[in-house]
Amino acid sequence: MNIEIQPKKKPGRPHGSFAQNTKKRLLEAATKQFGERDFAEVSMTMIAEEAGLTGAAIYNYYDSKDALFLDAVSLYIEQNTKILTAASLVSGNWKDRLNNVLEAVKTIYKDGTQNQLLTSTTQLKIAREPEKFEQILELRKVYSKIFQGIVADAIQCQDLPNDTDNEIMGDLLMALTTNGIGAVVVHRTSNEDIDAVIDSFRMLIGIKNPDPDTDKPL
């Protein structure tokens, strides 16, 4: 009687939906940890525990903290880009589009998904090691195009001069809308405060605050 001996499975990275779900948990855990502590204070073990894994298992997915940080930030930017892109694609003039983007930003802050510390850490890392974080720089360019499109509309209707540098102005509008608002909201976290910050920002840049009694949701 011949007995067939099955070869042992070689160790390696998990595959399939289980691996994808675990990786998603890791990215969510990393985003939370990097958003609550300085980068140097976060360990791979802490992220693994947050995701419900052992300290050793995390290395089946990421071989370094930098690699995990890169993926977590990339996913974070991609998710916000998708939300704000959809918000900007509404009919109307540039003020209508920007108002709708600000409403989306408000929702993001109220949901607690906007992360100021993560954003600040990312900017610092890009400034120090631009080559290492080139992937994030490319995603940031896509994010900026949302605001460049709004600026282009403002130029077209002559609310901004024809010689306005669209790329620079778009970057500035992006920075004010995300980092600027975030720097204030981090100290004013109630829904009422977030409403007040967004409304104040609208007044600062001279656009109309939507009237809930007359303006339909976009």
N, C-alpha and C. Protein backbone atom coordinates (compact mmCIF):
# COMPACT_ATOMS: atom_id res chain seq x y z
N MET A 1 0.85 -1.18 0.00
CA MET A 1 0.00 0.00 0.00
C MET A 1 0.89 1.24 0.00
N ASN A 2 0.69 2.03 -1.01
CA ASN A 2 1.50 3.25 -1.12
C ASN A 2 0.80 4.41 -0.43
N ILE A 3 1.54 5.11 0.38
CA ILE A 3 0.99 6.28 1.07
C ILE A 3 1.64 7.53 0.50
N GLU A 4 0.79 8.39 0.01
CA GLU A 4 1.31 9.63 -0.58
C GLU A 4 1.56 10.65 0.53
N ILE A 5 2.75 11.14 0.58
CA ILE A 5 3.11 12.13 1.61
C ILE A 5 2.96 13.53 1.03
N GLN A 6 2.09 14.31 1.65
CA GLN A 6 1.89 15.68 1.18
C GLN A 6 3.05 16.56 1.63
N PRO A 7 3.58 17.36 0.72
CA PRO A 7 4.67 18.26 1.11
C PRO A 7 4.18 19.32 2.08
N LYS A 8 5.05 19.69 2.98
CA LYS A 8 4.70 20.74 3.93
C LYS A 8 4.64 22.08 3.23
N LYS A 9 3.69 22.90 3.67
CA LYS A 9 3.58 24.24 3.09
C LYS A 9 4.72 25.10 3.58
N LYS A 10 5.28 25.82 2.67
CA LYS A 10 6.37 26.71 3.04
C LYS A 10 5.81 27.96 3.71
N PRO A 11 6.52 28.45 4.71
CA PRO A 11 6.06 29.68 5.37
C PRO A 11 6.19 30.85 4.41
N GLY A 12 5.37 31.83 4.61
CA GLY A 12 5.45 33.01 3.75
C GLY A 12 4.26 33.92 4.02
N ARG A 13 4.05 34.89 3.15
CA ARG A 13 2.95 35.83 3.34
C ARG A 13 1.61 35.13 3.14
N PRO A 14 0.63 35.41 3.99
CA PRO A 14 -0.70 34.84 3.79
C PRO A 14 -1.30 35.33 2.47
N HIS A 15 -2.22 34.53 1.92
CA HIS A 15 -2.82 34.88 0.63
C HIS A 15 -4.33 34.99 0.76
N GLY A 16 -4.93 35.56 -0.27
CA GLY A 16 -6.38 35.57 -0.38
C GLY A 16 -7.05 36.63 0.46
N SER A 17 -8.38 36.45 0.64
CA SER A 17 -9.19 37.46 1.32
C SER A 17 -8.77 37.63 2.78
N PHE A 18 -8.33 36.55 3.41
CA PHE A 18 -7.87 36.67 4.80
C PHE A 18 -6.72 37.66 4.90
N ALA A 19 -5.77 37.53 3.97
CA ALA A 19 -4.62 38.43 3.98
C ALA A 19 -5.04 39.86 3.72
N GLN A 20 -5.99 40.06 2.78
CA GLN A 20 -6.45 41.41 2.47
C GLN A 20 -7.15 42.04 3.66
N ASN A 21 -7.98 41.26 4.35
CA ASN A 21 -8.68 41.78 5.53
C ASN A 21 -7.70 42.13 6.64
N THR A 22 -6.69 41.27 6.81
CA THR A 22 -5.69 41.54 7.84
C THR A 22 -4.89 42.79 7.51
N LYS A 23 -4.54 42.93 6.23
CA LYS A 23 -3.79 44.12 5.82
C LYS A 23 -4.61 45.38 6.04
N LYS A 24 -5.91 45.30 5.77
CA LYS A 24 -6.78 46.45 6.00
C LYS A 24 -6.79 46.82 7.47
N ARG A 25 -6.88 45.81 8.35
CA ARG A 25 -6.84 46.07 9.79
C ARG A 25 -5.53 46.71 10.20
N LEU A 26 -4.45 46.26 9.60
CA LEU A 26 -3.14 46.83 9.91
C LEU A 26 -3.07 48.31 9.51
N LEU A 27 -3.59 48.63 8.33
CA LEU A 27 -3.55 50.01 7.87
C LEU A 27 -4.42 50.90 8.75
N GLU A 28 -5.56 50.40 9.15
CA GLU A 28 -6.43 51.16 10.05
C GLU A 28 -5.76 51.36 11.40
N ALA A 29 -5.13 50.31 11.90
CA ALA A 29 -4.43 50.40 13.18
C ALA A 29 -3.25 51.36 13.11
N ALA A 30 -2.52 51.31 12.00
CA ALA A 30 -1.37 52.20 11.82
C ALA A 30 -1.83 53.65 11.76
N THR A 31 -2.90 53.91 11.01
CA THR A 31 -3.42 55.27 10.91
C THR A 31 -3.80 55.80 12.29
N LYS A 32 -4.42 54.96 13.10
CA LYS A 32 -4.82 55.37 14.45
C LYS A 32 -3.59 55.63 15.32
N GLN A 33 -2.63 54.73 15.31
CA GLN A 33 -1.45 54.89 16.15
C GLN A 33 -0.63 56.11 15.72
N PHE A 34 -0.40 56.27 14.42
CA PHE A 34 0.39 57.41 13.94
C PHE A 34 -0.36 58.73 14.13
N GLY A 35 -1.67 58.64 14.25
CA GLY A 35 -2.47 59.84 14.47
C GLY A 35 -2.55 60.26 15.93
N GLU A 36 -2.16 59.37 16.83
CA GLU A 36 -2.25 59.66 18.26
C GLU A 36 -0.90 59.93 18.91
N ARG A 37 0.19 59.50 18.24
CA ARG A 37 1.52 59.61 18.83
C ARG A 37 2.51 60.09 17.79
N ASP A 38 3.64 60.62 18.28
CA ASP A 38 4.73 60.94 17.38
C ASP A 38 5.23 59.66 16.71
N PHE A 39 5.74 59.80 15.51
CA PHE A 39 6.19 58.64 14.74
C PHE A 39 7.17 57.79 15.54
N ALA A 40 8.11 58.45 16.22
CA ALA A 40 9.15 57.71 16.96
C ALA A 40 8.57 56.91 18.11
N GLU A 41 7.42 57.31 18.62
CA GLU A 41 6.82 56.64 19.77
C GLU A 41 6.03 55.39 19.38
N VAL A 42 5.73 55.27 18.09
CA VAL A 42 4.92 54.14 17.61
C VAL A 42 5.83 52.98 17.24
N SER A 43 5.51 51.80 17.74
CA SER A 43 6.28 50.61 17.40
C SER A 43 5.43 49.67 16.55
N MET A 44 6.10 48.76 15.84
CA MET A 44 5.38 47.76 15.06
C MET A 44 4.55 46.88 15.98
N THR A 45 5.03 46.62 17.18
CA THR A 45 4.30 45.80 18.14
C THR A 45 3.00 46.47 18.54
N MET A 46 3.05 47.78 18.76
CA MET A 46 1.84 48.53 19.13
C MET A 46 0.80 48.45 18.02
N ILE A 47 1.25 48.59 16.79
CA ILE A 47 0.33 48.53 15.65
C ILE A 47 -0.26 47.13 15.52
N ALA A 48 0.59 46.12 15.69
CA ALA A 48 0.13 44.73 15.62
C ALA A 48 -0.93 44.46 16.67
N GLU A 49 -0.70 44.91 17.89
CA GLU A 49 -1.66 44.69 18.97
C GLU A 49 -2.97 45.41 18.68
N GLU A 50 -2.88 46.62 18.13
CA GLU A 50 -4.08 47.38 17.76
C GLU A 50 -4.91 46.63 16.72
N ALA A 51 -4.20 45.93 15.82
CA ALA A 51 -4.87 45.18 14.75
C ALA A 51 -5.25 43.77 15.17
N GLY A 52 -4.88 43.38 16.38
CA GLY A 52 -5.21 42.04 16.86
C GLY A 52 -4.27 40.96 16.36
N LEU A 53 -3.00 41.34 16.11
CA LEU A 53 -2.00 40.39 15.63
C LEU A 53 -0.87 40.27 16.65
N THR A 54 -0.05 39.26 16.48
CA THR A 54 1.15 39.16 17.29
C THR A 54 2.22 40.08 16.70
N GLY A 55 3.20 40.40 17.52
CA GLY A 55 4.26 41.28 17.05
C GLY A 55 5.02 40.70 15.87
N ALA A 56 5.14 39.39 15.81
CA ALA A 56 5.88 38.75 14.72
C ALA A 56 5.05 38.69 13.44
N ALA A 57 3.73 38.51 13.57
CA ALA A 57 2.87 38.32 12.40
C ALA A 57 2.84 39.54 11.49
N ILE A 58 3.04 40.72 12.05
CA ILE A 58 2.98 41.94 11.25
C ILE A 58 4.03 41.94 10.14
N TYR A 59 5.14 41.23 10.40
CA TYR A 59 6.23 41.22 9.42
C TYR A 59 5.92 40.32 8.22
N ASN A 60 4.80 39.59 8.26
CA ASN A 60 4.35 38.89 7.07
C ASN A 60 3.80 39.87 6.03
N TYR A 61 3.51 41.09 6.50
CA TYR A 61 2.90 42.08 5.62
C TYR A 61 3.81 43.28 5.37
N TYR A 62 4.54 43.69 6.37
CA TYR A 62 5.42 44.86 6.25
C TYR A 62 6.75 44.59 6.94
N ASP A 63 7.83 44.93 6.24
CA ASP A 63 9.14 44.65 6.82
C ASP A 63 9.72 45.82 7.58
N SER A 64 9.00 46.96 7.59
CA SER A 64 9.50 48.11 8.34
C SER A 64 8.35 49.05 8.69
N LYS A 65 8.59 49.88 9.67
CA LYS A 65 7.58 50.86 10.09
C LYS A 65 7.38 51.91 8.99
N ASP A 66 8.45 52.28 8.31
CA ASP A 66 8.34 53.26 7.22
C ASP A 66 7.43 52.74 6.10
N ALA A 67 7.57 51.46 5.77
CA ALA A 67 6.76 50.87 4.70
C ALA A 67 5.28 50.87 5.08
N LEU A 68 5.00 50.56 6.34
CA LEU A 68 3.62 50.56 6.81
C LEU A 68 3.07 51.98 6.86
N PHE A 69 3.88 52.92 7.31
CA PHE A 69 3.47 54.32 7.34
C PHE A 69 3.14 54.81 5.93
N LEU A 70 3.97 54.46 4.97
CA LEU A 70 3.78 54.89 3.59
C LEU A 70 2.44 54.40 3.05
N ASP A 71 2.13 53.13 3.29
CA ASP A 71 0.86 52.57 2.81
C ASP A 71 -0.34 53.17 3.53
N ALA A 72 -0.20 53.39 4.84
CA ALA A 72 -1.31 53.95 5.61
C ALA A 72 -1.63 55.37 5.16
N VAL A 73 -0.60 56.17 4.98
CA VAL A 73 -0.80 57.55 4.53
C VAL A 73 -1.35 57.59 3.11
N SER A 74 -0.85 56.72 2.25
CA SER A 74 -1.32 56.67 0.87
C SER A 74 -2.81 56.36 0.82
N LEU A 75 -3.24 55.37 1.60
CA LEU A 75 -4.66 55.01 1.63
C LEU A 75 -5.48 56.16 2.18
N TYR A 76 -4.97 56.81 3.20
CA TYR A 76 -5.64 57.95 3.83
C TYR A 76 -5.86 59.08 2.82
N ILE A 77 -4.82 59.41 2.06
CA ILE A 77 -4.93 60.47 1.05
C ILE A 77 -5.89 60.06 -0.05
N GLU A 78 -5.80 58.82 -0.50
CA GLU A 78 -6.67 58.34 -1.57
C GLU A 78 -8.14 58.41 -1.16
N GLN A 79 -8.44 58.05 0.08
CA GLN A 79 -9.83 58.09 0.55
C GLN A 79 -10.36 59.52 0.59
N ASN A 80 -9.55 60.46 1.11
CA ASN A 80 -9.98 61.85 1.17
C ASN A 80 -10.07 62.47 -0.22
N THR A 81 -9.15 62.08 -1.11
CA THR A 81 -9.20 62.58 -2.49
C THR A 81 -10.49 62.16 -3.17
N LYS A 82 -10.90 60.94 -2.96
CA LYS A 82 -12.14 60.43 -3.56
C LYS A 82 -13.34 61.22 -3.05
N ILE A 83 -13.39 61.48 -1.75
CA ILE A 83 -14.51 62.22 -1.16
C ILE A 83 -14.57 63.65 -1.70
N LEU A 84 -13.43 64.33 -1.70
CA LEU A 84 -13.42 65.74 -2.11
C LEU A 84 -13.57 65.90 -3.61
N THR A 85 -13.08 64.93 -4.38
CA THR A 85 -13.28 64.98 -5.83
C THR A 85 -14.77 64.91 -6.15
N ALA A 86 -15.46 63.98 -5.51
CA ALA A 86 -16.90 63.85 -5.72
C ALA A 86 -17.62 65.14 -5.32
N ALA A 87 -17.18 65.74 -4.21
CA ALA A 87 -17.82 66.97 -3.74
C ALA A 87 -17.60 68.14 -4.69
N SER A 88 -16.46 68.15 -5.37
CA SER A 88 -16.13 69.27 -6.26
C SER A 88 -16.82 69.17 -7.62
N LEU A 89 -17.33 67.99 -7.95
CA LEU A 89 -17.93 67.79 -9.27
C LEU A 89 -19.43 68.08 -9.24
N VAL A 90 -19.76 69.31 -8.90
CA VAL A 90 -21.16 69.74 -8.86
C VAL A 90 -21.34 70.88 -9.85
N SER A 91 -22.57 71.08 -10.27
CA SER A 91 -22.86 72.19 -11.18
C SER A 91 -22.80 73.50 -10.41
N GLY A 92 -22.54 74.57 -11.12
CA GLY A 92 -22.45 75.88 -10.50
C GLY A 92 -21.09 76.50 -10.72
N ASN A 93 -20.88 77.65 -10.10
CA ASN A 93 -19.61 78.35 -10.26
C ASN A 93 -18.59 77.84 -9.25
N TRP A 94 -17.42 78.45 -9.25
CA TRP A 94 -16.34 77.96 -8.39
C TRP A 94 -16.70 78.08 -6.91
N LYS A 95 -17.50 79.10 -6.57
CA LYS A 95 -17.90 79.26 -5.17
C LYS A 95 -18.83 78.13 -4.73
N ASP A 96 -19.73 77.73 -5.63
CA ASP A 96 -20.60 76.59 -5.33
C ASP A 96 -19.78 75.33 -5.12
N ARG A 97 -18.79 75.12 -5.99
CA ARG A 97 -17.94 73.94 -5.89
C ARG A 97 -17.13 73.93 -4.60
N LEU A 98 -16.55 75.10 -4.27
CA LEU A 98 -15.75 75.18 -3.06
C LEU A 98 -16.62 75.02 -1.82
N ASN A 99 -17.82 75.59 -1.85
CA ASN A 99 -18.75 75.42 -0.74
C ASN A 99 -19.06 73.95 -0.51
N ASN A 100 -19.26 73.23 -1.61
CA ASN A 100 -19.58 71.81 -1.47
C ASN A 100 -18.38 71.02 -0.93
N VAL A 101 -17.19 71.40 -1.35
CA VAL A 101 -15.97 70.78 -0.82
C VAL A 101 -15.85 71.05 0.68
N LEU A 102 -16.16 72.28 1.09
CA LEU A 102 -16.09 72.61 2.51
C LEU A 102 -17.11 71.83 3.33
N GLU A 103 -18.28 71.58 2.75
CA GLU A 103 -19.26 70.75 3.44
C GLU A 103 -18.72 69.33 3.63
N ALA A 104 -18.02 68.83 2.60
CA ALA A 104 -17.42 67.50 2.71
C ALA A 104 -16.31 67.49 3.75
N VAL A 105 -15.50 68.56 3.78
CA VAL A 105 -14.43 68.67 4.78
C VAL A 105 -15.03 68.69 6.19
N LYS A 106 -16.13 69.41 6.32
CA LYS A 106 -16.81 69.47 7.62
C LYS A 106 -17.24 68.08 8.08
N THR A 107 -17.80 67.31 7.16
CA THR A 107 -18.24 65.96 7.49
C THR A 107 -17.06 65.08 7.89
N ILE A 108 -15.95 65.23 7.17
CA ILE A 108 -14.75 64.45 7.48
C ILE A 108 -14.27 64.75 8.90
N TYR A 109 -14.25 66.03 9.26
CA TYR A 109 -13.81 66.40 10.61
C TYR A 109 -14.78 65.90 11.67
N LYS A 110 -16.06 66.01 11.40
CA LYS A 110 -17.05 65.56 12.39
C LYS A 110 -17.01 64.05 12.57
N ASP A 111 -16.70 63.33 11.50
CA ASP A 111 -16.57 61.87 11.59
C ASP A 111 -15.29 61.45 12.29
N GLY A 112 -14.38 62.41 12.48
CA GLY A 112 -13.12 62.10 13.14
C GLY A 112 -12.12 61.41 12.25
N THR A 113 -12.32 61.46 10.92
CA THR A 113 -11.41 60.78 10.00
C THR A 113 -10.30 61.69 9.49
N GLN A 114 -10.40 62.99 9.77
CA GLN A 114 -9.31 63.89 9.40
C GLN A 114 -8.29 63.87 10.53
N ASN A 115 -7.04 63.68 10.21
CA ASN A 115 -6.03 63.44 11.23
C ASN A 115 -4.89 64.43 11.10
N GLN A 116 -4.88 65.42 11.96
CA GLN A 116 -3.91 66.50 11.84
C GLN A 116 -2.48 66.05 12.13
N LEU A 117 -2.31 65.21 13.17
CA LEU A 117 -0.96 64.76 13.50
C LEU A 117 -0.39 63.90 12.39
N LEU A 118 -1.20 63.03 11.81
CA LEU A 118 -0.75 62.21 10.69
C LEU A 118 -0.32 63.08 9.51
N THR A 119 -1.10 64.11 9.25
CA THR A 119 -0.78 65.04 8.15
C THR A 119 0.53 65.76 8.42
N SER A 120 0.71 66.23 9.64
CA SER A 120 1.94 66.96 9.99
C SER A 120 3.17 66.06 9.89
N THR A 121 3.04 64.83 10.38
CA THR A 121 4.16 63.88 10.31
C THR A 121 4.52 63.59 8.86
N THR A 122 3.50 63.44 8.03
CA THR A 122 3.73 63.17 6.61
C THR A 122 4.49 64.31 5.95
N GLN A 123 4.09 65.53 6.22
CA GLN A 123 4.76 66.69 5.63
C GLN A 123 6.22 66.77 6.07
N LEU A 124 6.47 66.47 7.34
CA LEU A 124 7.83 66.51 7.85
C LEU A 124 8.69 65.44 7.17
N LYS A 125 8.15 64.25 7.00
CA LYS A 125 8.90 63.17 6.36
C LYS A 125 9.17 63.46 4.89
N ILE A 126 8.20 64.04 4.21
CA ILE A 126 8.39 64.41 2.81
C ILE A 126 9.50 65.45 2.68
N ALA A 127 9.50 66.42 3.61
CA ALA A 127 10.52 67.47 3.56
C ALA A 127 11.92 66.91 3.80
N ARG A 128 12.01 65.90 4.67
CA ARG A 128 13.32 65.34 5.02
C ARG A 128 13.80 64.29 4.02
N GLU A 129 12.86 63.49 3.51
CA GLU A 129 13.22 62.38 2.63
C GLU A 129 12.27 62.32 1.42
N PRO A 130 12.32 63.32 0.54
CA PRO A 130 11.37 63.36 -0.57
C PRO A 130 11.44 62.16 -1.49
N GLU A 131 12.64 61.61 -1.71
CA GLU A 131 12.76 60.45 -2.60
C GLU A 131 12.07 59.22 -2.00
N LYS A 132 12.22 59.06 -0.70
CA LYS A 132 11.66 57.89 -0.03
C LYS A 132 10.14 57.93 -0.03
N PHE A 133 9.58 59.13 -0.01
CA PHE A 133 8.13 59.27 0.06
C PHE A 133 7.57 59.90 -1.22
N GLU A 134 8.19 59.57 -2.33
CA GLU A 134 7.76 60.09 -3.62
C GLU A 134 6.32 59.67 -3.94
N GLN A 135 5.94 58.48 -3.51
CA GLN A 135 4.58 57.98 -3.74
C GLN A 135 3.54 58.93 -3.14
N ILE A 136 3.83 59.43 -1.94
CA ILE A 136 2.90 60.36 -1.29
C ILE A 136 2.89 61.70 -2.02
N LEU A 137 4.04 62.13 -2.49
CA LEU A 137 4.10 63.38 -3.24
C LEU A 137 3.23 63.31 -4.49
N GLU A 138 3.25 62.17 -5.17
CA GLU A 138 2.43 62.00 -6.37
C GLU A 138 0.94 62.03 -6.02
N LEU A 139 0.57 61.39 -4.91
CA LEU A 139 -0.82 61.41 -4.48
C LEU A 139 -1.25 62.82 -4.08
N ARG A 140 -0.33 63.56 -3.49
CA ARG A 140 -0.62 64.93 -3.09
C ARG A 140 -0.91 65.81 -4.32
N LYS A 141 -0.22 65.54 -5.41
CA LYS A 141 -0.45 66.29 -6.64
C LYS A 141 -1.87 66.06 -7.16
N VAL A 142 -2.33 64.82 -7.06
CA VAL A 142 -3.70 64.49 -7.47
C VAL A 142 -4.70 65.22 -6.57
N TYR A 143 -4.42 65.24 -5.28
CA TYR A 143 -5.27 65.93 -4.31
C TYR A 143 -5.34 67.42 -4.63
N SER A 144 -4.20 68.00 -4.97
CA SER A 144 -4.15 69.43 -5.27
C SER A 144 -4.96 69.79 -6.51
N LYS A 145 -5.08 68.86 -7.45
CA LYS A 145 -5.81 69.15 -8.69
C LYS A 145 -7.28 69.43 -8.44
N ILE A 146 -7.83 68.93 -7.35
CA ILE A 146 -9.20 69.27 -6.98
C ILE A 146 -9.32 70.79 -6.83
N PHE A 147 -8.37 71.36 -6.11
CA PHE A 147 -8.40 72.79 -5.82
C PHE A 147 -7.92 73.62 -7.00
N GLN A 148 -7.02 73.08 -7.79
CA GLN A 148 -6.60 73.77 -9.01
C GLN A 148 -7.78 73.93 -9.97
N GLY A 149 -8.65 72.92 -10.01
CA GLY A 149 -9.83 73.01 -10.87
C GLY A 149 -10.77 74.12 -10.42
N ILE A 150 -10.90 74.30 -9.11
CA ILE A 150 -11.74 75.37 -8.57
C ILE A 150 -11.12 76.73 -8.89
N VAL A 151 -9.81 76.83 -8.73
CA VAL A 151 -9.11 78.08 -9.06
C VAL A 151 -9.26 78.41 -10.54
N ALA A 152 -9.17 77.40 -11.40
CA ALA A 152 -9.31 77.61 -12.85
C ALA A 152 -10.67 78.20 -13.17
N ASP A 153 -11.71 77.72 -12.48
CA ASP A 153 -13.06 78.27 -12.69
C ASP A 153 -13.13 79.73 -12.25
N ALA A 154 -12.45 80.04 -11.13
CA ALA A 154 -12.44 81.42 -10.64
C ALA A 154 -11.72 82.34 -11.61
N ILE A 155 -10.67 81.85 -12.24
CA ILE A 155 -9.94 82.63 -13.25
C ILE A 155 -10.82 82.83 -14.48
N GLN A 156 -11.51 81.78 -14.90
CA GLN A 156 -12.33 81.84 -16.10
C GLN A 156 -13.46 82.86 -15.97
N CYS A 157 -14.05 82.96 -14.77
CA CYS A 157 -15.13 83.94 -14.59
C CYS A 157 -14.58 85.29 -14.11
N GLN A 158 -13.27 85.42 -14.13
CA GLN A 158 -12.56 86.69 -13.84
C GLN A 158 -12.70 87.16 -12.40
N ASP A 159 -12.93 86.22 -11.49
CA ASP A 159 -12.85 86.54 -10.07
C ASP A 159 -11.40 86.53 -9.59
N LEU A 160 -10.52 85.95 -10.40
CA LEU A 160 -9.08 86.00 -10.17
C LEU A 160 -8.42 86.48 -11.45
N PRO A 161 -7.28 87.17 -11.36
CA PRO A 161 -6.60 87.68 -12.56
C PRO A 161 -6.19 86.54 -13.50
N ASN A 162 -6.11 86.84 -14.78
CA ASN A 162 -5.72 85.85 -15.78
C ASN A 162 -4.31 85.32 -15.57
N ASP A 163 -3.44 86.13 -14.97
CA ASP A 163 -2.05 85.69 -14.77
C ASP A 163 -1.85 84.96 -13.44
N THR A 164 -2.95 84.56 -12.78
CA THR A 164 -2.85 83.78 -11.54
C THR A 164 -2.15 82.46 -11.82
N ASP A 165 -1.19 82.11 -10.98
CA ASP A 165 -0.52 80.82 -11.11
C ASP A 165 -1.45 79.75 -10.54
N ASN A 166 -2.07 79.00 -11.43
CA ASN A 166 -3.09 78.03 -11.02
C ASN A 166 -2.54 76.98 -10.06
N GLU A 167 -1.33 76.50 -10.33
CA GLU A 167 -0.76 75.43 -9.50
C GLU A 167 -0.46 75.92 -8.09
N ILE A 168 0.16 77.10 -8.00
CA ILE A 168 0.48 77.65 -6.68
C ILE A 168 -0.79 78.00 -5.92
N MET A 169 -1.74 78.65 -6.59
CA MET A 169 -2.98 79.03 -5.93
C MET A 169 -3.76 77.79 -5.49
N GLY A 170 -3.75 76.76 -6.31
CA GLY A 170 -4.42 75.51 -5.93
C GLY A 170 -3.78 74.88 -4.71
N ASP A 171 -2.44 74.89 -4.67
CA ASP A 171 -1.74 74.35 -3.50
C ASP A 171 -2.07 75.15 -2.23
N LEU A 172 -2.15 76.47 -2.39
CA LEU A 172 -2.48 77.32 -1.24
C LEU A 172 -3.89 77.06 -0.75
N LEU A 173 -4.82 76.94 -1.69
CA LEU A 173 -6.21 76.68 -1.31
C LEU A 173 -6.33 75.31 -0.65
N MET A 174 -5.60 74.33 -1.16
CA MET A 174 -5.57 73.01 -0.55
C MET A 174 -5.02 73.08 0.87
N ALA A 175 -3.92 73.80 1.05
CA ALA A 175 -3.29 73.90 2.37
C ALA A 175 -4.20 74.59 3.37
N LEU A 176 -4.87 75.66 2.93
CA LEU A 176 -5.77 76.38 3.82
C LEU A 176 -6.99 75.53 4.18
N THR A 177 -7.49 74.81 3.19
CA THR A 177 -8.72 74.03 3.39
C THR A 177 -8.47 72.79 4.24
N THR A 178 -7.28 72.25 4.19
CA THR A 178 -6.99 71.05 4.98
C THR A 178 -6.14 71.38 6.20
N ASN A 179 -4.90 71.78 5.98
CA ASN A 179 -3.99 72.04 7.10
C ASN A 179 -4.44 73.22 7.95
N GLY A 180 -4.86 74.30 7.27
CA GLY A 180 -5.26 75.50 8.00
C GLY A 180 -6.45 75.26 8.90
N ILE A 181 -7.50 74.70 8.32
CA ILE A 181 -8.69 74.39 9.11
C ILE A 181 -8.35 73.35 10.18
N GLY A 182 -7.54 72.36 9.80
CA GLY A 182 -7.18 71.30 10.75
C GLY A 182 -6.43 71.82 11.96
N ALA A 183 -5.58 72.82 11.75
CA ALA A 183 -4.79 73.38 12.85
C ALA A 183 -5.68 74.05 13.89
N VAL A 184 -6.85 74.54 13.45
CA VAL A 184 -7.79 75.17 14.39
C VAL A 184 -8.72 74.12 15.00
N VAL A 185 -9.21 73.22 14.15
CA VAL A 185 -10.18 72.22 14.61
C VAL A 185 -9.57 71.25 15.62
N VAL A 186 -8.25 71.06 15.56
CA VAL A 186 -7.62 70.14 16.52
C VAL A 186 -7.82 70.62 17.95
N HIS A 187 -8.06 71.93 18.15
CA HIS A 187 -8.32 72.48 19.48
C HIS A 187 -9.81 72.76 19.71
N ARG A 188 -10.61 72.60 18.66
CA ARG A 188 -12.04 72.89 18.74
C ARG A 188 -12.78 71.71 18.11
N THR A 189 -13.08 70.73 18.92
CA THR A 189 -13.50 69.44 18.37
C THR A 189 -15.00 69.19 18.39
N SER A 190 -15.77 70.06 19.04
CA SER A 190 -17.22 69.82 19.07
C SER A 190 -17.80 70.11 17.68
N ASN A 191 -18.97 69.54 17.40
CA ASN A 191 -19.62 69.79 16.11
C ASN A 191 -19.93 71.27 15.92
N GLU A 192 -20.32 71.94 17.00
CA GLU A 192 -20.63 73.36 16.93
C GLU A 192 -19.37 74.17 16.58
N ASP A 193 -18.25 73.80 17.19
CA ASP A 193 -17.00 74.49 16.90
C ASP A 193 -16.57 74.25 15.45
N ILE A 194 -16.73 73.02 14.98
CA ILE A 194 -16.34 72.71 13.60
C ILE A 194 -17.19 73.52 12.63
N ASP A 195 -18.50 73.62 12.89
CA ASP A 195 -19.37 74.46 12.06
C ASP A 195 -18.87 75.90 12.05
N ALA A 196 -18.51 76.41 13.24
CA ALA A 196 -18.06 77.80 13.36
C ALA A 196 -16.74 78.03 12.61
N VAL A 197 -15.84 77.05 12.68
CA VAL A 197 -14.55 77.18 11.99
C VAL A 197 -14.76 77.22 10.48
N ILE A 198 -15.58 76.30 9.95
CA ILE A 198 -15.83 76.27 8.50
C ILE A 198 -16.53 77.55 8.06
N ASP A 199 -17.51 78.03 8.84
CA ASP A 199 -18.20 79.27 8.50
C ASP A 199 -17.25 80.46 8.52
N SER A 200 -16.36 80.49 9.49
CA SER A 200 -15.38 81.58 9.57
C SER A 200 -14.42 81.54 8.39
N PHE A 201 -14.05 80.33 7.97
CA PHE A 201 -13.18 80.20 6.80
C PHE A 201 -13.87 80.73 5.56
N ARG A 202 -15.17 80.43 5.42
CA ARG A 202 -15.92 80.96 4.28
C ARG A 202 -15.88 82.49 4.26
N MET A 203 -16.11 83.10 5.43
CA MET A 203 -16.08 84.56 5.51
C MET A 203 -14.70 85.10 5.18
N LEU A 204 -13.67 84.40 5.64
CA LEU A 204 -12.30 84.84 5.42
C LEU A 204 -11.96 84.91 3.94
N ILE A 205 -12.45 83.93 3.16
CA ILE A 205 -12.11 83.92 1.74
C ILE A 205 -13.23 84.52 0.87
N GLY A 206 -14.26 85.02 1.53
CA GLY A 206 -15.28 85.78 0.82
C GLY A 206 -16.26 84.96 0.00
N ILE A 207 -16.68 83.80 0.50
CA ILE A 207 -17.71 83.06 -0.20
C ILE A 207 -18.93 82.90 0.70
N LYS A 208 -20.08 82.72 0.07
CA LYS A 208 -21.35 82.70 0.79
C LYS A 208 -21.52 81.42 1.58
N ASN A 209 -22.04 81.58 2.78
CA ASN A 209 -22.39 80.43 3.60
C ASN A 209 -23.73 79.89 3.11
N PRO A 210 -23.82 78.59 2.74
CA PRO A 210 -25.08 78.06 2.24
C PRO A 210 -26.23 78.27 3.24
N ASP A 211 -27.38 78.71 2.73
CA ASP A 211 -28.56 78.91 3.57
C ASP A 211 -29.37 77.61 3.59
N PRO A 212 -29.47 76.96 4.74
CA PRO A 212 -30.15 75.67 4.79
C PRO A 212 -31.62 75.75 4.40
N ASP A 213 -32.22 76.96 4.49
CA ASP A 213 -33.64 77.12 4.15
C ASP A 213 -33.87 77.30 2.65
N THR A 214 -32.83 77.77 1.94
CA THR A 214 -33.01 78.05 0.52
C THR A 214 -32.09 77.24 -0.38
N ASP A 215 -30.93 76.86 0.12
CA ASP A 215 -29.98 76.12 -0.70
C ASP A 215 -30.19 74.63 -0.54
N LYS A 216 -30.45 73.97 -1.62
CA LYS A 216 -30.63 72.51 -1.60
C LYS A 216 -29.28 71.83 -1.44
N PRO A 217 -29.25 70.66 -0.78
CA PRO A 217 -27.99 69.91 -0.69
C PRO A 217 -27.47 69.57 -2.08
N LEU A 218 -26.16 69.69 -2.26
CA LEU A 218 -25.58 69.44 -3.58
C LEU A 218 -25.19 67.98 -3.72
